[in-house]
Protein backbone atom coordinates (compact mmCIF):
# COMPACT_ATOMS: atom_id res chain seq x y z
CA MET A 1 -0.70 18.79 15.92
CA ILE A 2 -2.11 16.03 13.71
CA ARG A 3 -1.17 16.00 10.04
CA LYS A 4 -0.96 13.71 7.03
CA ALA A 5 2.39 11.90 6.97
CA THR A 6 4.89 12.43 4.19
CA TRP A 7 7.66 10.17 2.92
CA ALA A 8 10.12 12.28 4.95
CA ASP A 9 8.36 11.13 8.15
CA ALA A 10 9.42 7.50 7.64
CA PRO A 11 12.42 7.64 10.04
CA ALA A 12 10.37 9.26 12.82
CA ILE A 13 7.45 6.86 12.31
CA ALA A 14 9.88 3.93 12.41
CA SER A 15 11.36 5.20 15.66
CA VAL A 16 7.91 5.53 17.28
CA HIS A 17 6.95 2.09 15.95
CA VAL A 18 9.98 0.34 17.47
CA GLU A 19 9.93 2.25 20.78
CA SER A 20 6.18 1.65 21.19
CA TRP A 21 6.52 -2.08 20.57
CA LYS A 22 9.29 -2.29 23.16
CA THR A 23 7.31 -0.44 25.84
CA THR A 24 3.82 -1.77 25.05
CA TYR A 25 4.63 -5.43 24.42
CA SER A 26 7.36 -6.00 27.02
CA GLY A 27 6.31 -9.05 29.01
CA ILE A 28 3.78 -10.01 26.32
CA VAL A 29 5.94 -10.64 23.25
CA PRO A 30 9.24 -12.46 23.90
CA ASP A 31 12.06 -10.05 24.80
CA ALA A 32 14.33 -11.82 22.31
CA TYR A 33 11.92 -10.80 19.52
CA LEU A 34 11.62 -7.20 20.76
CA GLU A 35 15.42 -6.93 20.81
CA THR A 36 15.52 -7.77 17.08
CA LEU A 37 13.36 -4.78 16.13
CA THR A 38 15.36 -2.01 14.47
CA VAL A 39 14.49 1.49 13.36
CA GLU A 40 16.33 0.86 10.06
CA GLU A 41 14.14 -2.15 9.23
CA LYS A 42 10.93 -0.32 10.13
CA GLN A 43 12.07 2.76 8.20
CA THR A 44 12.31 0.66 5.03
CA LEU A 45 8.80 -0.65 5.74
CA TRP A 46 7.35 2.84 6.31
CA GLU A 47 9.04 4.28 3.23
CA LYS A 48 7.26 1.58 1.23
CA VAL A 49 3.93 2.16 3.02
CA LEU A 50 4.08 5.92 2.48
CA ARG A 51 4.47 5.36 -1.27
CA GLN A 52 1.27 3.29 -1.44
CA SER A 53 -1.92 5.11 -2.35
CA ASP A 54 -4.13 2.65 -0.45
CA HIS A 55 -2.54 3.52 2.91
CA SER A 56 -3.54 6.62 4.85
CA VAL A 57 -1.00 7.64 7.47
CA PHE A 58 -1.24 10.52 9.92
CA VAL A 59 1.29 11.64 12.52
CA ALA A 60 0.96 13.41 15.85
CA GLU A 61 3.61 16.02 16.55
CA GLU A 62 4.52 17.62 19.84
CA ASN A 63 7.08 20.45 19.81
CA GLY A 64 7.97 19.59 16.20
CA ARG A 65 8.69 15.93 17.01
CA VAL A 66 6.64 12.97 15.77
CA VAL A 67 5.32 11.22 18.88
CA GLY A 68 2.67 8.97 17.34
CA PHE A 69 1.05 7.76 14.16
CA VAL A 70 -1.95 5.96 12.74
CA SER A 71 -2.22 3.95 9.53
CA GLY A 72 -5.34 2.62 7.82
CA GLY A 73 -7.06 1.93 4.55
CA PRO A 74 -9.23 -0.65 2.82
CA ASN A 75 -9.92 -3.83 4.76
CA ARG A 76 -7.30 -6.47 3.90
CA ALA A 77 -9.58 -9.40 4.82
CA ALA A 78 -10.75 -11.24 1.73
CA ASP A 79 -13.49 -13.31 3.35
CA GLY A 80 -15.12 -14.22 6.63
CA LEU A 81 -16.85 -12.15 9.27
CA ILE A 82 -14.27 -9.37 9.16
CA ALA A 83 -14.61 -8.84 5.40
CA LYS A 84 -17.94 -7.05 5.96
CA TYR A 85 -16.04 -3.97 7.20
CA ASP A 86 -14.98 -1.52 4.45
CA GLY A 87 -11.86 -0.27 6.19
CA GLU A 88 -9.19 -1.32 8.58
CA LEU A 89 -7.09 0.52 11.12
CA TYR A 90 -3.73 -1.12 10.41
CA ALA A 91 -1.64 0.41 13.20
CA ILE A 92 -1.67 3.13 15.83
CA TYR A 93 1.26 3.78 18.13
CA LEU A 94 2.16 6.56 20.54
CA LEU A 95 5.28 7.02 22.60
CA LYS A 96 4.59 6.04 26.20
CA GLU A 97 5.16 9.58 27.54
CA VAL A 98 2.36 11.06 25.41
CA GLN A 99 -0.26 8.36 25.97
CA GLY A 100 -3.41 9.43 27.78
CA LYS A 101 -3.40 12.98 26.35
CA GLY A 102 -6.05 12.41 23.67
CA LEU A 103 -3.60 12.14 20.76
CA GLY A 104 -4.73 8.59 19.95
CA ARG A 105 -8.34 9.72 19.60
CA GLN A 106 -7.26 12.69 17.46
CA LEU A 107 -5.24 10.40 15.19
CA VAL A 108 -8.19 8.01 14.79
CA GLN A 109 -10.52 10.91 14.01
CA ALA A 110 -8.15 12.23 11.32
CA LEU A 111 -7.99 8.75 9.80
CA ILE A 112 -11.74 8.15 9.76
CA ARG A 113 -12.43 11.58 8.23
CA HIS A 114 -9.96 10.76 5.47
CA LEU A 115 -11.33 7.23 4.93
CA ALA A 116 -14.91 8.56 4.80
CA GLN A 117 -13.85 10.80 1.90
CA GLN A 118 -12.77 7.60 0.13
CA GLY A 119 -16.16 5.98 0.67
CA ILE A 120 -15.11 3.83 3.64
CA HIS A 121 -17.71 3.90 6.41
CA SER A 122 -17.04 0.88 8.64
CA LEU A 123 -13.82 -0.17 10.30
CA ALA A 124 -12.05 -3.12 11.89
CA VAL A 125 -8.83 -3.30 13.91
CA TRP A 126 -6.82 -6.28 15.19
CA VAL A 127 -5.15 -5.91 18.60
CA LEU A 128 -3.29 -8.30 20.86
CA ALA A 129 -5.66 -9.39 23.62
CA ASP A 130 -2.93 -8.77 26.22
CA ASN A 131 -2.20 -5.25 24.95
CA PRO A 132 -2.65 -2.93 27.94
CA SER A 133 -4.03 -0.26 25.57
CA ARG A 134 -6.81 -2.55 24.28
CA GLY A 135 -9.39 -0.60 26.30
CA PHE A 136 -8.78 2.37 23.98
CA TYR A 137 -10.79 0.61 21.26
CA GLU A 138 -13.56 -0.27 23.69
CA ARG A 139 -13.77 3.37 24.83
CA LEU A 140 -14.16 4.33 21.14
CA GLY A 141 -17.19 2.02 20.98
CA GLY A 142 -15.54 -0.94 19.27
CA GLU A 143 -17.28 -4.29 19.58
CA LYS A 144 -15.22 -7.47 19.75
CA VAL A 145 -16.23 -9.35 16.61
CA ALA A 146 -13.56 -12.04 16.22
CA GLU A 147 -10.41 -13.52 17.69
CA GLU A 148 -7.57 -15.60 16.34
CA ARG A 149 -4.27 -17.10 17.42
CA VAL A 150 -1.11 -15.48 16.09
CA GLU A 151 2.55 -16.27 16.63
CA ILE A 152 5.06 -13.55 17.40
CA GLY A 153 8.64 -14.44 18.19
CA GLY A 154 7.71 -18.09 18.63
CA LYS A 155 4.99 -17.36 21.19
CA ALA A 156 1.30 -18.07 20.52
CA LEU A 157 -0.89 -15.09 21.41
CA TRP A 158 -4.55 -14.15 21.06
CA GLU A 159 -5.46 -11.29 18.77
CA TRP A 160 -8.92 -9.70 19.02
CA CYS A 161 -10.73 -7.85 16.28
CA TYR A 162 -12.86 -4.85 17.15
CA GLY A 163 -15.33 -3.49 14.64
CA TRP A 164 -17.42 -0.41 14.05
CA ARG A 165 -20.33 -0.85 11.62
CA ASP A 166 -20.46 2.95 11.36
CA MET A 167 -17.06 4.45 12.06
CA GLN A 168 -18.61 7.89 12.56
CA THR A 169 -19.69 6.65 16.00
CA MET A 170 -15.97 6.68 16.91
CA ASN A 171 -16.17 10.49 17.06
CA GLU A 172 -18.58 10.42 19.99
């Protein structure tokens, strides 16, 4: 089941966020950094996010348990090539055991329907180039439109930006 997140979902979203980082980015992001991630810290972040009207957050539930989430809203880029996109997919994470079941696609579809109601019709997302789930965005029709170096835990990494000029094509 996919539904709009509420403030009460913050602890579950935080748990998925931390667990997903640890399973997805192991061997990519330094282990020392991954070990510093805590559910309590992320819960504070998600409580703040869920109070903001410019963030749209949806959760995926399986047997009454939150197993994934997506967050998006207006594009945060002020200038440059990426600024031409109205919206941005800020984050999408699923627990490892539920990946590959179509929940990611369902979460993205819920987000883009909601963003379209707000007048947002194009979308960008930043993803670590070494992320093993990067192909998900390519399968949704995303085109690589930019790349930049980022530092996480003292390690320089490449981040790629995928864009959709018409996010409705993500439904196909």
